[in-house]
N, C-alpha and C. Protein backbone atom coordinates (compact mmCIF):
# COMPACT_ATOMS: atom_id res chain seq x y z
N MET A 1 -15.91 -16.31 0.45
CA MET A 1 -15.48 -14.98 0.83
C MET A 1 -15.95 -14.66 2.25
N PRO A 2 -15.17 -13.91 3.03
CA PRO A 2 -15.58 -13.57 4.39
C PRO A 2 -16.76 -12.59 4.38
N ASN A 3 -17.51 -12.59 5.47
CA ASN A 3 -18.59 -11.64 5.64
C ASN A 3 -18.01 -10.36 6.24
N LEU A 4 -17.77 -9.39 5.39
CA LEU A 4 -17.11 -8.16 5.84
C LEU A 4 -18.08 -7.26 6.58
N PRO A 5 -17.57 -6.48 7.54
CA PRO A 5 -18.45 -5.56 8.27
C PRO A 5 -19.09 -4.55 7.33
N GLU A 6 -20.31 -4.16 7.65
CA GLU A 6 -20.99 -3.15 6.86
C GLU A 6 -20.42 -1.77 7.20
N ILE A 7 -20.23 -0.96 6.17
CA ILE A 7 -19.75 0.40 6.37
C ILE A 7 -20.30 1.27 5.25
N SER A 8 -20.74 2.47 5.60
CA SER A 8 -21.31 3.35 4.59
C SER A 8 -20.21 3.87 3.67
N ALA A 9 -20.62 4.27 2.47
CA ALA A 9 -19.65 4.83 1.52
C ALA A 9 -18.98 6.07 2.10
N MET A 10 -19.75 6.88 2.83
CA MET A 10 -19.20 8.10 3.44
C MET A 10 -18.12 7.75 4.46
N ASP A 11 -18.40 6.77 5.33
CA ASP A 11 -17.43 6.39 6.36
C ASP A 11 -16.19 5.75 5.75
N LEU A 12 -16.39 4.92 4.73
CA LEU A 12 -15.25 4.29 4.08
C LEU A 12 -14.37 5.36 3.43
N GLY A 13 -15.00 6.33 2.75
CA GLY A 13 -14.24 7.40 2.13
C GLY A 13 -13.46 8.21 3.16
N ALA A 14 -14.10 8.49 4.30
CA ALA A 14 -13.44 9.28 5.35
C ALA A 14 -12.25 8.53 5.93
N LEU A 15 -12.39 7.23 6.17
CA LEU A 15 -11.31 6.44 6.73
C LEU A 15 -10.15 6.30 5.74
N LEU A 16 -10.47 6.16 4.46
CA LEU A 16 -9.41 6.08 3.46
C LEU A 16 -8.66 7.41 3.36
N CYS A 17 -9.39 8.52 3.47
CA CYS A 17 -8.72 9.83 3.47
C CYS A 17 -7.77 9.95 4.65
N SER A 18 -8.20 9.47 5.81
CA SER A 18 -7.33 9.48 6.99
C SER A 18 -6.09 8.63 6.76
N ARG A 19 -6.28 7.50 6.09
CA ARG A 19 -5.16 6.60 5.80
C ARG A 19 -4.13 7.29 4.90
N VAL A 20 -4.61 7.96 3.85
CA VAL A 20 -3.71 8.65 2.93
C VAL A 20 -3.02 9.82 3.65
N CYS A 21 -3.78 10.60 4.40
CA CYS A 21 -3.21 11.75 5.11
C CYS A 21 -2.12 11.30 6.09
N HIS A 22 -2.30 10.15 6.71
CA HIS A 22 -1.30 9.63 7.65
C HIS A 22 0.04 9.45 6.95
N ASP A 23 0.00 8.99 5.70
CA ASP A 23 1.23 8.78 4.92
C ASP A 23 1.89 10.09 4.52
N ILE A 24 1.08 11.10 4.28
CA ILE A 24 1.60 12.35 3.70
C ILE A 24 2.03 13.35 4.77
N ILE A 25 1.46 13.26 5.97
CA ILE A 25 1.75 14.26 7.01
C ILE A 25 3.24 14.36 7.32
N SER A 26 3.90 13.21 7.45
CA SER A 26 5.31 13.22 7.85
C SER A 26 6.21 13.95 6.85
N PRO A 27 6.20 13.60 5.55
CA PRO A 27 7.08 14.33 4.63
C PRO A 27 6.71 15.80 4.46
N VAL A 28 5.42 16.12 4.51
CA VAL A 28 5.01 17.52 4.39
C VAL A 28 5.48 18.31 5.61
N GLY A 29 5.39 17.67 6.78
CA GLY A 29 5.89 18.32 7.99
C GLY A 29 7.39 18.57 7.92
N ALA A 30 8.12 17.60 7.33
CA ALA A 30 9.57 17.76 7.19
C ALA A 30 9.90 18.91 6.24
N ILE A 31 9.11 19.08 5.18
CA ILE A 31 9.31 20.21 4.27
C ILE A 31 9.13 21.52 5.02
N SER A 32 8.08 21.57 5.84
CA SER A 32 7.82 22.78 6.64
C SER A 32 8.99 23.09 7.57
N ASN A 33 9.54 22.06 8.20
CA ASN A 33 10.69 22.25 9.10
C ASN A 33 11.90 22.78 8.34
N GLY A 34 12.11 22.23 7.14
CA GLY A 34 13.24 22.69 6.32
C GLY A 34 13.09 24.14 5.92
N LEU A 35 11.87 24.54 5.57
CA LEU A 35 11.64 25.93 5.20
C LEU A 35 11.86 26.88 6.39
N GLU A 36 11.51 26.43 7.58
CA GLU A 36 11.74 27.25 8.76
C GLU A 36 13.23 27.48 8.98
N LEU A 37 14.02 26.43 8.73
CA LEU A 37 15.48 26.58 8.87
C LEU A 37 16.02 27.57 7.83
N LEU A 38 15.49 27.52 6.62
CA LEU A 38 15.94 28.44 5.58
C LEU A 38 15.57 29.89 5.93
N ASP A 39 14.41 30.07 6.56
CA ASP A 39 13.95 31.41 6.91
C ASP A 39 14.64 31.98 8.15
N ASP A 40 15.31 31.09 8.89
CA ASP A 40 15.98 31.53 10.12
C ASP A 40 17.28 32.27 9.76
N ASP A 41 17.32 33.54 10.10
CA ASP A 41 18.49 34.36 9.76
C ASP A 41 19.76 33.89 10.46
N SER A 42 19.60 33.13 11.56
CA SER A 42 20.78 32.67 12.29
C SER A 42 21.38 31.39 11.73
N SER A 43 20.71 30.78 10.74
CA SER A 43 21.21 29.53 10.15
C SER A 43 22.43 29.82 9.29
N ASP A 44 23.47 28.99 9.46
CA ASP A 44 24.67 29.18 8.64
C ASP A 44 24.51 28.43 7.31
N ALA A 45 25.51 28.53 6.46
CA ALA A 45 25.45 27.94 5.12
C ALA A 45 25.27 26.42 5.17
N GLU A 46 25.97 25.78 6.12
CA GLU A 46 25.86 24.31 6.23
C GLU A 46 24.45 23.90 6.63
N THR A 47 23.87 24.65 7.59
CA THR A 47 22.52 24.35 8.04
C THR A 47 21.51 24.53 6.91
N LYS A 48 21.71 25.59 6.11
CA LYS A 48 20.80 25.84 4.99
C LYS A 48 20.92 24.73 3.94
N GLU A 49 22.12 24.22 3.73
CA GLU A 49 22.30 23.12 2.78
C GLU A 49 21.61 21.86 3.28
N ILE A 50 21.72 21.60 4.58
CA ILE A 50 21.02 20.45 5.17
C ILE A 50 19.51 20.62 5.02
N ALA A 51 19.05 21.84 5.24
CA ALA A 51 17.62 22.12 5.11
C ALA A 51 17.14 21.87 3.68
N MET A 52 17.92 22.28 2.69
CA MET A 52 17.55 22.05 1.30
C MET A 52 17.51 20.57 0.97
N GLY A 53 18.48 19.82 1.52
CA GLY A 53 18.47 18.37 1.32
C GLY A 53 17.22 17.74 1.92
N LEU A 54 16.82 18.22 3.10
CA LEU A 54 15.61 17.71 3.75
C LEU A 54 14.38 18.03 2.91
N ILE A 55 14.33 19.24 2.39
CA ILE A 55 13.17 19.63 1.57
C ILE A 55 13.10 18.79 0.30
N ARG A 56 14.24 18.59 -0.36
CA ARG A 56 14.25 17.81 -1.61
C ARG A 56 13.79 16.37 -1.36
N SER A 57 14.38 15.72 -0.35
CA SER A 57 14.05 14.31 -0.09
C SER A 57 12.60 14.16 0.37
N SER A 58 12.12 15.10 1.17
CA SER A 58 10.75 15.02 1.68
C SER A 58 9.74 15.29 0.57
N ALA A 59 10.07 16.21 -0.34
CA ALA A 59 9.18 16.49 -1.47
C ALA A 59 9.07 15.26 -2.37
N THR A 60 10.20 14.57 -2.60
CA THR A 60 10.19 13.34 -3.39
C THR A 60 9.36 12.27 -2.69
N ASN A 61 9.54 12.16 -1.38
CA ASN A 61 8.80 11.19 -0.58
C ASN A 61 7.30 11.43 -0.70
N ALA A 62 6.89 12.67 -0.51
CA ALA A 62 5.47 13.01 -0.59
C ALA A 62 4.91 12.73 -1.98
N SER A 63 5.68 13.08 -3.00
CA SER A 63 5.23 12.88 -4.38
C SER A 63 5.03 11.40 -4.70
N THR A 64 5.99 10.56 -4.31
CA THR A 64 5.87 9.13 -4.60
C THR A 64 4.69 8.51 -3.86
N LYS A 65 4.43 8.96 -2.64
CA LYS A 65 3.31 8.42 -1.88
C LYS A 65 1.97 8.85 -2.47
N LEU A 66 1.90 10.08 -2.97
CA LEU A 66 0.68 10.55 -3.61
C LEU A 66 0.44 9.81 -4.93
N GLN A 67 1.49 9.58 -5.71
CA GLN A 67 1.34 8.83 -6.96
C GLN A 67 0.85 7.41 -6.68
N PHE A 68 1.39 6.80 -5.62
CA PHE A 68 0.95 5.46 -5.24
C PHE A 68 -0.52 5.48 -4.83
N ALA A 69 -0.89 6.46 -3.98
CA ALA A 69 -2.26 6.53 -3.48
C ALA A 69 -3.26 6.78 -4.61
N ARG A 70 -2.83 7.51 -5.64
CA ARG A 70 -3.73 7.82 -6.75
C ARG A 70 -4.23 6.54 -7.42
N ILE A 71 -3.34 5.55 -7.54
CA ILE A 71 -3.77 4.29 -8.16
C ILE A 71 -4.36 3.35 -7.12
N ALA A 72 -3.73 3.26 -5.95
CA ALA A 72 -4.17 2.30 -4.93
C ALA A 72 -5.54 2.62 -4.36
N PHE A 73 -5.86 3.93 -4.22
CA PHE A 73 -7.12 4.33 -3.60
C PHE A 73 -8.01 5.16 -4.51
N GLY A 74 -7.41 5.88 -5.48
CA GLY A 74 -8.17 6.81 -6.29
C GLY A 74 -8.80 6.20 -7.51
N ALA A 75 -9.41 7.07 -8.32
CA ALA A 75 -10.09 6.61 -9.54
C ALA A 75 -9.09 6.18 -10.60
N ALA A 76 -7.99 6.94 -10.75
CA ALA A 76 -6.93 6.60 -11.71
C ALA A 76 -7.48 6.27 -13.08
N GLY A 77 -8.35 7.14 -13.59
CA GLY A 77 -8.95 6.92 -14.90
C GLY A 77 -10.46 6.80 -14.77
N SER A 78 -11.12 6.43 -15.85
CA SER A 78 -12.57 6.32 -15.85
C SER A 78 -13.01 5.02 -15.19
N ALA A 79 -14.28 4.97 -14.84
CA ALA A 79 -14.82 3.78 -14.19
C ALA A 79 -14.68 2.56 -15.09
N ASN A 80 -14.35 1.44 -14.47
CA ASN A 80 -14.25 0.14 -15.16
C ASN A 80 -13.12 0.09 -16.18
N SER A 81 -12.20 1.05 -16.16
CA SER A 81 -11.09 1.03 -17.11
C SER A 81 -10.00 0.08 -16.64
N ASP A 82 -9.14 -0.32 -17.57
CA ASP A 82 -8.00 -1.16 -17.23
C ASP A 82 -6.80 -0.28 -16.87
N ILE A 83 -5.88 -0.84 -16.11
CA ILE A 83 -4.67 -0.13 -15.70
C ILE A 83 -3.46 -0.93 -16.13
N ASP A 84 -2.46 -0.25 -16.61
CA ASP A 84 -1.20 -0.87 -17.01
C ASP A 84 -0.45 -1.32 -15.74
N THR A 85 -0.13 -2.60 -15.65
CA THR A 85 0.60 -3.09 -14.48
C THR A 85 1.99 -2.47 -14.40
N GLY A 86 2.51 -2.00 -15.54
CA GLY A 86 3.80 -1.32 -15.52
C GLY A 86 3.71 -0.02 -14.75
N ASP A 87 2.58 0.69 -14.86
CA ASP A 87 2.38 1.92 -14.09
C ASP A 87 2.28 1.60 -12.60
N ALA A 88 1.59 0.51 -12.29
CA ALA A 88 1.47 0.10 -10.89
C ALA A 88 2.84 -0.27 -10.31
N GLN A 89 3.62 -0.97 -11.11
CA GLN A 89 4.97 -1.34 -10.67
C GLN A 89 5.81 -0.09 -10.42
N ALA A 90 5.70 0.89 -11.30
CA ALA A 90 6.50 2.12 -11.16
C ALA A 90 6.18 2.85 -9.87
N VAL A 91 4.88 2.99 -9.56
CA VAL A 91 4.53 3.72 -8.32
C VAL A 91 4.88 2.89 -7.09
N ALA A 92 4.83 1.56 -7.22
CA ALA A 92 5.21 0.71 -6.09
C ALA A 92 6.70 0.81 -5.81
N VAL A 93 7.51 0.81 -6.87
CA VAL A 93 8.96 0.97 -6.70
C VAL A 93 9.27 2.31 -6.06
N GLY A 94 8.57 3.36 -6.49
CA GLY A 94 8.77 4.67 -5.88
C GLY A 94 8.40 4.69 -4.42
N TYR A 95 7.28 4.08 -4.10
CA TYR A 95 6.82 4.04 -2.70
C TYR A 95 7.82 3.29 -1.83
N PHE A 96 8.27 2.14 -2.30
CA PHE A 96 9.19 1.34 -1.50
C PHE A 96 10.59 1.93 -1.47
N GLY A 97 10.87 2.88 -2.35
CA GLY A 97 12.14 3.58 -2.29
C GLY A 97 12.29 4.37 -1.01
N ASN A 98 11.16 4.67 -0.35
CA ASN A 98 11.18 5.39 0.92
C ASN A 98 11.23 4.45 2.12
N GLU A 99 11.13 3.15 1.87
CA GLU A 99 11.17 2.17 2.96
C GLU A 99 12.62 1.74 3.18
N LYS A 100 13.19 2.17 4.28
CA LYS A 100 14.61 1.92 4.54
C LYS A 100 14.91 0.45 4.84
N LYS A 101 13.93 -0.27 5.40
CA LYS A 101 14.20 -1.63 5.88
C LYS A 101 13.66 -2.72 4.96
N THR A 102 12.96 -2.32 3.89
CA THR A 102 12.27 -3.32 3.08
C THR A 102 12.56 -3.12 1.60
N THR A 103 12.84 -4.22 0.91
CA THR A 103 13.08 -4.18 -0.53
C THR A 103 11.89 -4.80 -1.26
N LEU A 104 11.75 -4.42 -2.53
CA LEU A 104 10.62 -4.90 -3.34
C LEU A 104 11.12 -5.58 -4.60
N GLU A 105 10.54 -6.73 -4.90
CA GLU A 105 10.78 -7.42 -6.17
C GLU A 105 9.43 -7.60 -6.87
N TRP A 106 9.40 -7.30 -8.16
CA TRP A 106 8.14 -7.39 -8.92
C TRP A 106 8.39 -8.27 -10.14
N THR A 107 7.62 -9.34 -10.26
CA THR A 107 7.78 -10.28 -11.37
C THR A 107 6.44 -10.49 -12.07
N GLY A 108 6.49 -10.55 -13.37
CA GLY A 108 5.26 -10.81 -14.12
C GLY A 108 5.23 -10.04 -15.41
N GLU A 109 4.55 -10.57 -16.39
CA GLU A 109 4.41 -9.92 -17.69
C GLU A 109 3.63 -8.62 -17.56
N ARG A 110 4.12 -7.59 -18.24
CA ARG A 110 3.40 -6.31 -18.23
C ARG A 110 2.13 -6.45 -19.05
N ALA A 111 1.02 -5.96 -18.49
CA ALA A 111 -0.25 -6.12 -19.18
C ALA A 111 -1.25 -5.10 -18.64
N TYR A 112 -2.37 -4.98 -19.35
CA TYR A 112 -3.48 -4.18 -18.84
C TYR A 112 -4.42 -5.12 -18.10
N MET A 113 -4.74 -4.76 -16.87
CA MET A 113 -5.64 -5.57 -16.06
C MET A 113 -6.78 -4.70 -15.55
N PRO A 114 -7.92 -5.31 -15.21
CA PRO A 114 -9.03 -4.54 -14.64
C PRO A 114 -8.57 -3.72 -13.43
N LYS A 115 -9.12 -2.51 -13.34
CA LYS A 115 -8.68 -1.56 -12.33
C LYS A 115 -8.65 -2.15 -10.92
N ASN A 116 -9.73 -2.82 -10.50
CA ASN A 116 -9.79 -3.31 -9.12
C ASN A 116 -8.74 -4.38 -8.83
N LYS A 117 -8.35 -5.14 -9.84
CA LYS A 117 -7.32 -6.16 -9.63
C LYS A 117 -5.94 -5.53 -9.46
N VAL A 118 -5.67 -4.45 -10.21
CA VAL A 118 -4.40 -3.75 -10.04
C VAL A 118 -4.37 -3.04 -8.70
N LYS A 119 -5.48 -2.42 -8.32
CA LYS A 119 -5.56 -1.76 -7.01
C LYS A 119 -5.38 -2.79 -5.90
N LEU A 120 -5.89 -3.99 -6.12
CA LEU A 120 -5.74 -5.06 -5.14
C LEU A 120 -4.27 -5.40 -4.92
N VAL A 121 -3.49 -5.46 -6.00
CA VAL A 121 -2.06 -5.73 -5.88
C VAL A 121 -1.38 -4.70 -4.98
N LEU A 122 -1.66 -3.43 -5.23
CA LEU A 122 -1.00 -2.36 -4.46
C LEU A 122 -1.44 -2.38 -3.00
N ASN A 123 -2.69 -2.68 -2.76
CA ASN A 123 -3.16 -2.72 -1.37
C ASN A 123 -2.62 -3.94 -0.62
N LEU A 124 -2.42 -5.04 -1.33
CA LEU A 124 -1.76 -6.19 -0.70
C LEU A 124 -0.33 -5.84 -0.33
N LEU A 125 0.32 -5.01 -1.14
CA LEU A 125 1.68 -4.57 -0.80
C LEU A 125 1.69 -3.80 0.51
N LEU A 126 0.70 -2.92 0.70
CA LEU A 126 0.64 -2.14 1.94
C LEU A 126 0.41 -3.05 3.14
N ILE A 127 -0.45 -4.03 2.98
CA ILE A 127 -0.69 -4.97 4.07
C ILE A 127 0.56 -5.78 4.37
N SER A 128 1.29 -6.15 3.32
CA SER A 128 2.48 -6.98 3.51
C SER A 128 3.54 -6.26 4.34
N LEU A 129 3.56 -4.92 4.30
CA LEU A 129 4.51 -4.18 5.13
C LEU A 129 4.25 -4.43 6.61
N HIS A 130 2.98 -4.62 6.97
CA HIS A 130 2.64 -4.88 8.37
C HIS A 130 2.93 -6.33 8.77
N ALA A 131 3.18 -7.18 7.76
CA ALA A 131 3.49 -8.58 8.05
C ALA A 131 4.93 -8.76 8.50
N ILE A 132 5.79 -7.81 8.13
CA ILE A 132 7.21 -7.88 8.52
C ILE A 132 7.62 -6.54 9.15
N PRO A 133 7.21 -6.30 10.40
CA PRO A 133 7.45 -5.02 11.06
C PRO A 133 8.92 -4.66 11.21
N ARG A 134 9.80 -5.65 11.17
CA ARG A 134 11.24 -5.38 11.29
C ARG A 134 11.92 -5.27 9.93
N GLY A 135 11.12 -5.29 8.87
CA GLY A 135 11.67 -5.16 7.53
C GLY A 135 12.04 -6.50 6.92
N GLY A 136 12.44 -6.43 5.66
CA GLY A 136 12.81 -7.66 4.94
C GLY A 136 12.62 -7.47 3.45
N ASN A 137 12.05 -8.46 2.81
CA ASN A 137 11.85 -8.42 1.36
C ASN A 137 10.40 -8.74 1.03
N ILE A 138 9.87 -8.03 0.05
CA ILE A 138 8.51 -8.29 -0.42
C ILE A 138 8.58 -8.58 -1.92
N ALA A 139 8.07 -9.74 -2.31
CA ALA A 139 8.11 -10.17 -3.71
C ALA A 139 6.69 -10.27 -4.25
N VAL A 140 6.48 -9.66 -5.42
CA VAL A 140 5.18 -9.69 -6.09
C VAL A 140 5.29 -10.56 -7.35
N LEU A 141 4.33 -11.44 -7.52
CA LEU A 141 4.26 -12.26 -8.73
C LEU A 141 2.84 -12.20 -9.27
N ILE A 142 2.70 -11.77 -10.53
CA ILE A 142 1.40 -11.75 -11.19
C ILE A 142 1.44 -12.75 -12.33
N GLU A 143 0.63 -13.78 -12.19
CA GLU A 143 0.58 -14.85 -13.19
C GLU A 143 -0.67 -14.70 -14.06
N ASP A 144 -0.53 -15.02 -15.34
CA ASP A 144 -1.63 -14.99 -16.30
C ASP A 144 -2.42 -13.68 -16.26
N PRO A 145 -1.74 -12.53 -16.39
CA PRO A 145 -2.44 -11.25 -16.27
C PRO A 145 -3.47 -11.00 -17.37
N ASN A 146 -3.30 -11.64 -18.52
CA ASN A 146 -4.23 -11.44 -19.64
C ASN A 146 -5.38 -12.43 -19.63
N GLY A 147 -5.35 -13.36 -18.69
CA GLY A 147 -6.41 -14.36 -18.63
C GLY A 147 -7.11 -14.33 -17.29
N THR A 148 -6.77 -15.31 -16.44
CA THR A 148 -7.32 -15.37 -15.09
C THR A 148 -6.18 -15.11 -14.12
N PRO A 149 -5.97 -13.86 -13.76
CA PRO A 149 -4.79 -13.51 -12.96
C PRO A 149 -4.76 -14.18 -11.59
N LYS A 150 -3.55 -14.52 -11.19
CA LYS A 150 -3.29 -14.95 -9.82
C LYS A 150 -2.19 -14.04 -9.27
N ILE A 151 -2.46 -13.47 -8.13
CA ILE A 151 -1.53 -12.52 -7.51
C ILE A 151 -0.95 -13.16 -6.26
N THR A 152 0.38 -13.16 -6.17
CA THR A 152 1.05 -13.68 -4.98
C THR A 152 2.02 -12.63 -4.46
N VAL A 153 1.85 -12.28 -3.20
CA VAL A 153 2.75 -11.33 -2.54
C VAL A 153 3.37 -12.04 -1.35
N THR A 154 4.69 -12.18 -1.36
CA THR A 154 5.41 -12.89 -0.30
C THR A 154 6.26 -11.91 0.49
N ALA A 155 5.95 -11.80 1.78
CA ALA A 155 6.70 -10.91 2.67
C ALA A 155 7.59 -11.76 3.57
N THR A 156 8.90 -11.58 3.45
CA THR A 156 9.87 -12.38 4.18
C THR A 156 10.69 -11.51 5.11
N GLY A 157 10.76 -11.89 6.38
CA GLY A 157 11.53 -11.11 7.34
C GLY A 157 11.38 -11.68 8.74
N LYS A 158 12.20 -11.21 9.66
CA LYS A 158 12.14 -11.68 11.04
C LYS A 158 10.81 -11.32 11.68
N ASN A 159 10.33 -12.23 12.52
CA ASN A 159 9.07 -12.03 13.23
C ASN A 159 7.89 -11.80 12.29
N ALA A 160 7.94 -12.45 11.13
CA ALA A 160 6.84 -12.34 10.18
C ALA A 160 5.55 -12.87 10.81
N ARG A 161 4.44 -12.23 10.48
CA ARG A 161 3.15 -12.65 11.02
C ARG A 161 2.05 -12.18 10.09
N VAL A 162 0.95 -12.89 10.08
CA VAL A 162 -0.23 -12.42 9.36
C VAL A 162 -0.81 -11.26 10.16
N PRO A 163 -0.98 -10.08 9.57
CA PRO A 163 -1.52 -8.95 10.32
C PRO A 163 -2.82 -9.33 11.03
N PRO A 164 -2.90 -9.10 12.34
CA PRO A 164 -4.05 -9.57 13.13
C PRO A 164 -5.41 -9.11 12.61
N VAL A 165 -5.53 -7.86 12.18
CA VAL A 165 -6.83 -7.37 11.72
C VAL A 165 -7.25 -8.11 10.45
N LEU A 166 -6.32 -8.32 9.53
CA LEU A 166 -6.64 -9.08 8.31
C LEU A 166 -7.07 -10.49 8.68
N LEU A 167 -6.36 -11.10 9.61
CA LEU A 167 -6.70 -12.46 10.04
C LEU A 167 -8.11 -12.51 10.62
N ASP A 168 -8.47 -11.48 11.40
CA ASP A 168 -9.82 -11.42 11.97
C ASP A 168 -10.87 -11.29 10.88
N PHE A 169 -10.59 -10.47 9.87
CA PHE A 169 -11.55 -10.33 8.77
C PHE A 169 -11.72 -11.63 8.01
N LEU A 170 -10.59 -12.30 7.73
CA LEU A 170 -10.65 -13.54 6.95
C LEU A 170 -11.37 -14.65 7.70
N SER A 171 -11.27 -14.62 9.03
CA SER A 171 -11.90 -15.67 9.84
C SER A 171 -13.26 -15.24 10.40
N ASP A 172 -13.73 -14.08 9.97
CA ASP A 172 -15.03 -13.55 10.42
C ASP A 172 -15.11 -13.38 11.94
N THR A 173 -14.00 -12.96 12.54
CA THR A 173 -13.99 -12.78 14.00
C THR A 173 -13.74 -11.32 14.39
N TYR A 174 -13.73 -10.41 13.43
CA TYR A 174 -13.49 -9.01 13.76
C TYR A 174 -14.73 -8.44 14.45
N ASP A 175 -14.56 -7.91 15.66
CA ASP A 175 -15.71 -7.41 16.42
C ASP A 175 -15.46 -6.04 17.05
N GLU A 176 -14.52 -5.30 16.46
CA GLU A 176 -14.21 -3.98 17.00
C GLU A 176 -14.76 -2.89 16.09
N GLN A 177 -14.71 -1.65 16.57
CA GLN A 177 -15.17 -0.54 15.76
C GLN A 177 -14.14 -0.26 14.66
N LEU A 178 -14.65 -0.05 13.46
CA LEU A 178 -13.75 0.22 12.34
C LEU A 178 -13.06 1.57 12.51
N ASP A 179 -11.74 1.59 12.25
CA ASP A 179 -10.99 2.83 12.35
C ASP A 179 -9.98 2.90 11.20
N ALA A 180 -9.12 3.92 11.22
CA ALA A 180 -8.17 4.12 10.13
C ALA A 180 -7.15 2.98 10.03
N HIS A 181 -6.93 2.25 11.13
CA HIS A 181 -6.01 1.12 11.09
C HIS A 181 -6.65 -0.10 10.43
N ALA A 182 -7.94 -0.26 10.64
CA ALA A 182 -8.64 -1.42 10.10
C ALA A 182 -9.07 -1.22 8.65
N VAL A 183 -9.11 0.04 8.19
CA VAL A 183 -9.66 0.30 6.86
C VAL A 183 -8.78 -0.29 5.76
N GLN A 184 -7.46 -0.38 6.00
CA GLN A 184 -6.59 -0.92 4.95
C GLN A 184 -6.94 -2.36 4.58
N PRO A 185 -6.95 -3.30 5.54
CA PRO A 185 -7.35 -4.66 5.17
C PRO A 185 -8.80 -4.77 4.73
N LEU A 186 -9.69 -3.95 5.33
CA LEU A 186 -11.09 -3.98 4.92
C LEU A 186 -11.24 -3.57 3.45
N TYR A 187 -10.61 -2.48 3.08
CA TYR A 187 -10.68 -1.99 1.70
C TYR A 187 -10.07 -3.01 0.74
N THR A 188 -8.98 -3.63 1.16
CA THR A 188 -8.33 -4.64 0.32
C THR A 188 -9.27 -5.80 0.03
N LEU A 189 -9.96 -6.26 1.06
CA LEU A 189 -10.88 -7.38 0.87
C LEU A 189 -12.12 -6.96 0.07
N LYS A 190 -12.52 -5.71 0.21
CA LYS A 190 -13.64 -5.22 -0.59
C LYS A 190 -13.24 -5.13 -2.07
N LEU A 191 -11.99 -4.74 -2.33
CA LEU A 191 -11.49 -4.75 -3.70
C LEU A 191 -11.52 -6.17 -4.27
N ALA A 192 -11.07 -7.13 -3.47
CA ALA A 192 -11.08 -8.53 -3.91
C ALA A 192 -12.50 -8.99 -4.20
N GLU A 193 -13.42 -8.62 -3.35
CA GLU A 193 -14.83 -8.97 -3.54
C GLU A 193 -15.36 -8.39 -4.84
N ALA A 194 -15.04 -7.11 -5.10
CA ALA A 194 -15.50 -6.45 -6.32
C ALA A 194 -14.87 -7.08 -7.56
N ALA A 195 -13.66 -7.61 -7.42
CA ALA A 195 -12.96 -8.23 -8.55
C ALA A 195 -13.25 -9.73 -8.65
N ASN A 196 -14.14 -10.23 -7.78
CA ASN A 196 -14.48 -11.66 -7.73
C ASN A 196 -13.23 -12.51 -7.50
N MET A 197 -12.42 -12.09 -6.53
CA MET A 197 -11.22 -12.82 -6.18
C MET A 197 -11.23 -13.12 -4.67
N GLU A 198 -10.59 -14.19 -4.30
CA GLU A 198 -10.48 -14.57 -2.90
C GLU A 198 -9.05 -14.35 -2.42
N VAL A 199 -8.93 -13.82 -1.21
CA VAL A 199 -7.62 -13.54 -0.62
C VAL A 199 -7.35 -14.51 0.51
N SER A 200 -6.12 -15.02 0.55
CA SER A 200 -5.69 -15.87 1.66
C SER A 200 -4.34 -15.38 2.15
N ALA A 201 -4.01 -15.70 3.38
CA ALA A 201 -2.72 -15.31 3.97
C ALA A 201 -2.23 -16.47 4.83
N VAL A 202 -1.03 -16.95 4.51
CA VAL A 202 -0.49 -18.12 5.20
C VAL A 202 0.93 -17.82 5.68
N LEU A 203 1.21 -18.17 6.93
CA LEU A 203 2.55 -18.00 7.49
C LEU A 203 3.36 -19.26 7.21
N LYS A 204 4.51 -19.09 6.55
CA LYS A 204 5.42 -20.20 6.26
C LYS A 204 6.81 -19.83 6.74
N ASP A 205 7.23 -20.39 7.86
CA ASP A 205 8.52 -20.06 8.46
C ASP A 205 8.61 -18.55 8.72
N GLU A 206 9.55 -17.87 8.03
CA GLU A 206 9.71 -16.43 8.23
C GLU A 206 9.12 -15.64 7.07
N ALA A 207 8.06 -16.17 6.49
CA ALA A 207 7.41 -15.49 5.36
C ALA A 207 5.89 -15.61 5.48
N VAL A 208 5.22 -14.55 5.07
CA VAL A 208 3.76 -14.57 4.96
C VAL A 208 3.44 -14.50 3.47
N VAL A 209 2.67 -15.46 3.00
CA VAL A 209 2.30 -15.52 1.59
C VAL A 209 0.84 -15.11 1.42
N PHE A 210 0.65 -13.98 0.75
CA PHE A 210 -0.71 -13.50 0.44
C PHE A 210 -1.03 -13.91 -0.99
N THR A 211 -2.20 -14.50 -1.18
CA THR A 211 -2.61 -14.93 -2.50
C THR A 211 -4.00 -14.39 -2.82
N ALA A 212 -4.16 -13.92 -4.04
CA ALA A 212 -5.48 -13.49 -4.53
C ALA A 212 -5.72 -14.17 -5.86
N GLN A 213 -6.80 -14.92 -5.94
CA GLN A 213 -7.13 -15.61 -7.19
C GLN A 213 -8.63 -15.67 -7.35
N SER A 214 -9.09 -16.01 -8.55
CA SER A 214 -10.51 -16.00 -8.85
C SER A 214 -11.30 -16.86 -7.90
N ALA A 215 -12.43 -16.34 -7.43
CA ALA A 215 -13.28 -17.09 -6.53
C ALA A 215 -13.96 -18.22 -7.32
N VAL A 216 -14.09 -19.34 -6.67
CA VAL A 216 -14.73 -20.50 -7.32
C VAL A 216 -16.23 -20.30 -7.38
């Protein structure tokens, strides 16, 4: 396992909050803009209908992102509890429904898995989005969920690359100050560490394959 940078629980919590807020600010701001259009007495019927459409879609967007964050970053139940992978799949499908350029495929038997391993799957999905900045397809495969799980996330798209910050963490070469951009891969690797799993990322042609499996 890589030697991850030291960070206090307070700082990690603050950076994760910033990460979640970054996702939510945009749809909430769009709702506010839609409400302003509705309150504008000069808006015609067509404009008000457009505003309502904006409010509806943005509210759905915000809701799906919050549901995803609840499992990916939050407690999502009591400590050390298991999580239904079907619930994780549902929130992931909702989250990716807002991604215009990227599709999601999820394969694997539905099962209850330890919380940190399910959270690891969702966080690998977030990292995989940065592996294909121009969009593409992301495929999730969970093997042997009731025994010794192996998680494979394959991100396929043009200009695919292993996210630089993750690569630095994996190779123990990260030497910058931790910020809200770095917290995603850091938290992912800390989840893997807590779940006694090792994460690897390999570039194969136009795909990046992320793998998490039990540490030897």
